[in-house]
């Protein structure tokens, strides 16, 4: 089993690949949260395609 810290670090590294997450462009926290959800949905859908 992986340490939880490593899982969190990996998740942030995957999110950092998205250009919008490289800098804080959003004016509200709700918009930033929505972009994060979209990025995670995209990552999960790519993992489902591979399997």
N, C-alpha and C. Protein backbone atom coordinates (compact mmCIF):
# COMPACT_ATOMS: atom_id res chain seq x y z
N UNK A 1 0.84 -1.19 0.00
CA UNK A 1 0.00 0.00 0.00
C UNK A 1 0.89 1.25 0.00
N UNK A 2 0.50 2.24 -0.78
CA UNK A 2 1.27 3.47 -0.89
C UNK A 2 0.96 4.41 0.28
N UNK A 3 1.95 5.16 0.71
CA UNK A 3 1.66 6.18 1.73
C UNK A 3 0.71 7.23 1.17
N UNK A 4 -0.17 7.73 1.99
CA UNK A 4 -1.16 8.71 1.52
C UNK A 4 -0.50 9.98 0.99
N UNK A 5 0.62 10.36 1.58
CA UNK A 5 1.31 11.56 1.13
C UNK A 5 1.73 11.42 -0.33
N UNK A 6 2.19 10.23 -0.72
CA UNK A 6 2.63 10.01 -2.09
C UNK A 6 1.45 10.10 -3.05
N UNK A 7 0.30 9.59 -2.63
CA UNK A 7 -0.90 9.65 -3.48
C UNK A 7 -1.32 11.09 -3.70
N UNK A 8 -1.28 11.90 -2.66
CA UNK A 8 -1.64 13.31 -2.79
C UNK A 8 -0.64 14.03 -3.69
N UNK A 9 0.65 13.78 -3.51
CA UNK A 9 1.67 14.40 -4.36
C UNK A 9 1.48 14.02 -5.82
N UNK A 10 1.15 12.76 -6.07
CA UNK A 10 0.93 12.31 -7.45
C UNK A 10 -0.28 13.02 -8.05
N UNK A 11 -1.33 13.18 -7.27
CA UNK A 11 -2.54 13.85 -7.77
C UNK A 11 -2.24 15.30 -8.13
N UNK A 12 -1.51 16.01 -7.27
CA UNK A 12 -1.17 17.39 -7.59
C UNK A 12 -0.25 17.47 -8.81
N UNK A 13 0.62 16.52 -8.98
CA UNK A 13 1.49 16.50 -10.15
C UNK A 13 0.68 16.30 -11.43
N UNK A 14 -0.32 15.42 -11.37
CA UNK A 14 -1.17 15.21 -12.54
C UNK A 14 -1.98 16.46 -12.87
N UNK A 15 -2.47 17.13 -11.83
CA UNK A 15 -3.23 18.36 -12.07
C UNK A 15 -2.35 19.48 -12.60
N UNK A 16 -1.09 19.49 -12.23
CA UNK A 16 -0.18 20.54 -12.68
C UNK A 16 0.10 20.45 -14.17
N UNK A 17 -0.19 19.32 -14.77
CA UNK A 17 0.00 19.18 -16.22
C UNK A 17 -0.96 20.05 -17.01
N UNK A 18 -2.10 20.37 -16.41
CA UNK A 18 -3.08 21.19 -17.10
C UNK A 18 -2.65 22.65 -17.05
N UNK A 19 -2.73 23.31 -18.17
CA UNK A 19 -2.21 24.67 -18.29
C UNK A 19 -2.92 25.65 -17.37
N UNK A 20 -4.22 25.47 -17.18
CA UNK A 20 -4.95 26.39 -16.32
C UNK A 20 -4.53 26.29 -14.87
N UNK A 21 -3.99 25.14 -14.48
CA UNK A 21 -3.56 24.97 -13.10
C UNK A 21 -2.15 25.47 -12.86
N UNK A 22 -1.45 25.85 -13.92
CA UNK A 22 -0.08 26.31 -13.73
C UNK A 22 -0.03 27.67 -13.03
N UNK A 23 -1.06 28.48 -13.23
CA UNK A 23 -1.17 29.77 -12.55
C UNK A 23 -2.60 29.94 -12.09
N UNK A 24 -2.82 30.87 -11.21
CA UNK A 24 -4.16 31.09 -10.67
C UNK A 24 -4.89 32.13 -11.50
N UNK A 25 -5.60 31.65 -12.53
CA UNK A 25 -6.32 32.56 -13.41
C UNK A 25 -7.75 32.83 -12.94
N UNK A 26 -8.30 31.94 -12.15
CA UNK A 26 -9.70 32.05 -11.75
C UNK A 26 -9.88 33.12 -10.69
N UNK A 27 -11.00 33.81 -10.78
CA UNK A 27 -11.28 34.88 -9.82
C UNK A 27 -12.00 34.36 -8.58
N UNK A 28 -12.71 33.27 -8.71
CA UNK A 28 -13.44 32.74 -7.56
C UNK A 28 -12.96 31.33 -7.25
N UNK A 29 -13.15 30.94 -6.01
CA UNK A 29 -12.76 29.58 -5.63
C UNK A 29 -13.69 28.54 -6.24
N UNK A 30 -14.94 28.92 -6.50
CA UNK A 30 -15.87 27.98 -7.12
C UNK A 30 -15.42 27.62 -8.53
N UNK A 31 -14.93 28.59 -9.27
CA UNK A 31 -14.44 28.32 -10.62
C UNK A 31 -13.18 27.46 -10.60
N UNK A 32 -12.30 27.74 -9.67
CA UNK A 32 -11.08 26.93 -9.53
C UNK A 32 -11.43 25.49 -9.18
N UNK A 33 -12.43 25.31 -8.32
CA UNK A 33 -12.87 23.96 -7.96
C UNK A 33 -13.49 23.25 -9.15
N UNK A 34 -14.27 23.97 -9.95
CA UNK A 34 -14.89 23.37 -11.13
C UNK A 34 -13.83 22.92 -12.14
N UNK A 35 -12.79 23.73 -12.33
CA UNK A 35 -11.71 23.36 -13.25
C UNK A 35 -10.99 22.12 -12.74
N UNK A 36 -10.82 22.02 -11.42
CA UNK A 36 -10.18 20.84 -10.84
C UNK A 36 -11.03 19.60 -11.09
N UNK A 37 -12.34 19.71 -10.92
CA UNK A 37 -13.22 18.57 -11.19
C UNK A 37 -13.14 18.14 -12.66
N UNK A 38 -13.11 19.11 -13.55
CA UNK A 38 -13.02 18.79 -14.98
C UNK A 38 -11.71 18.07 -15.29
N UNK A 39 -10.62 18.55 -14.70
CA UNK A 39 -9.33 17.91 -14.93
C UNK A 39 -9.32 16.48 -14.39
N UNK A 40 -9.89 16.26 -13.22
CA UNK A 40 -9.91 14.92 -12.64
C UNK A 40 -10.81 13.98 -13.44
N UNK A 41 -11.93 14.48 -13.95
CA UNK A 41 -12.80 13.66 -14.80
C UNK A 41 -12.05 13.25 -16.05
N UNK A 42 -11.30 14.18 -16.63
CA UNK A 42 -10.51 13.87 -17.83
C UNK A 42 -9.46 12.80 -17.52
N UNK A 43 -8.76 12.93 -16.39
CA UNK A 43 -7.76 11.93 -16.02
C UNK A 43 -8.37 10.56 -15.80
N UNK A 44 -9.49 10.51 -15.11
CA UNK A 44 -10.15 9.23 -14.83
C UNK A 44 -10.67 8.58 -16.11
N UNK A 45 -11.21 9.40 -17.02
CA UNK A 45 -11.72 8.83 -18.26
C UNK A 45 -10.59 8.25 -19.12
N UNK A 46 -9.41 8.86 -19.08
CA UNK A 46 -8.27 8.31 -19.81
C UNK A 46 -7.83 6.98 -19.21
N UNK A 47 -7.89 6.88 -17.88
CA UNK A 47 -7.53 5.60 -17.25
C UNK A 47 -8.52 4.51 -17.59
N UNK A 48 -9.79 4.85 -17.70
CA UNK A 48 -10.82 3.84 -18.07
C UNK A 48 -10.60 3.38 -19.50
N UNK A 49 -10.25 4.32 -20.40
CA UNK A 49 -10.00 3.96 -21.80
C UNK A 49 -8.85 2.96 -21.93
N UNK A 50 -7.81 3.12 -21.12
CA UNK A 50 -6.65 2.25 -21.22
C UNK A 50 -6.96 0.83 -20.76
N UNK A 51 -7.87 0.70 -19.81
CA UNK A 51 -8.15 -0.65 -19.30
C UNK A 51 -9.26 -1.36 -20.03
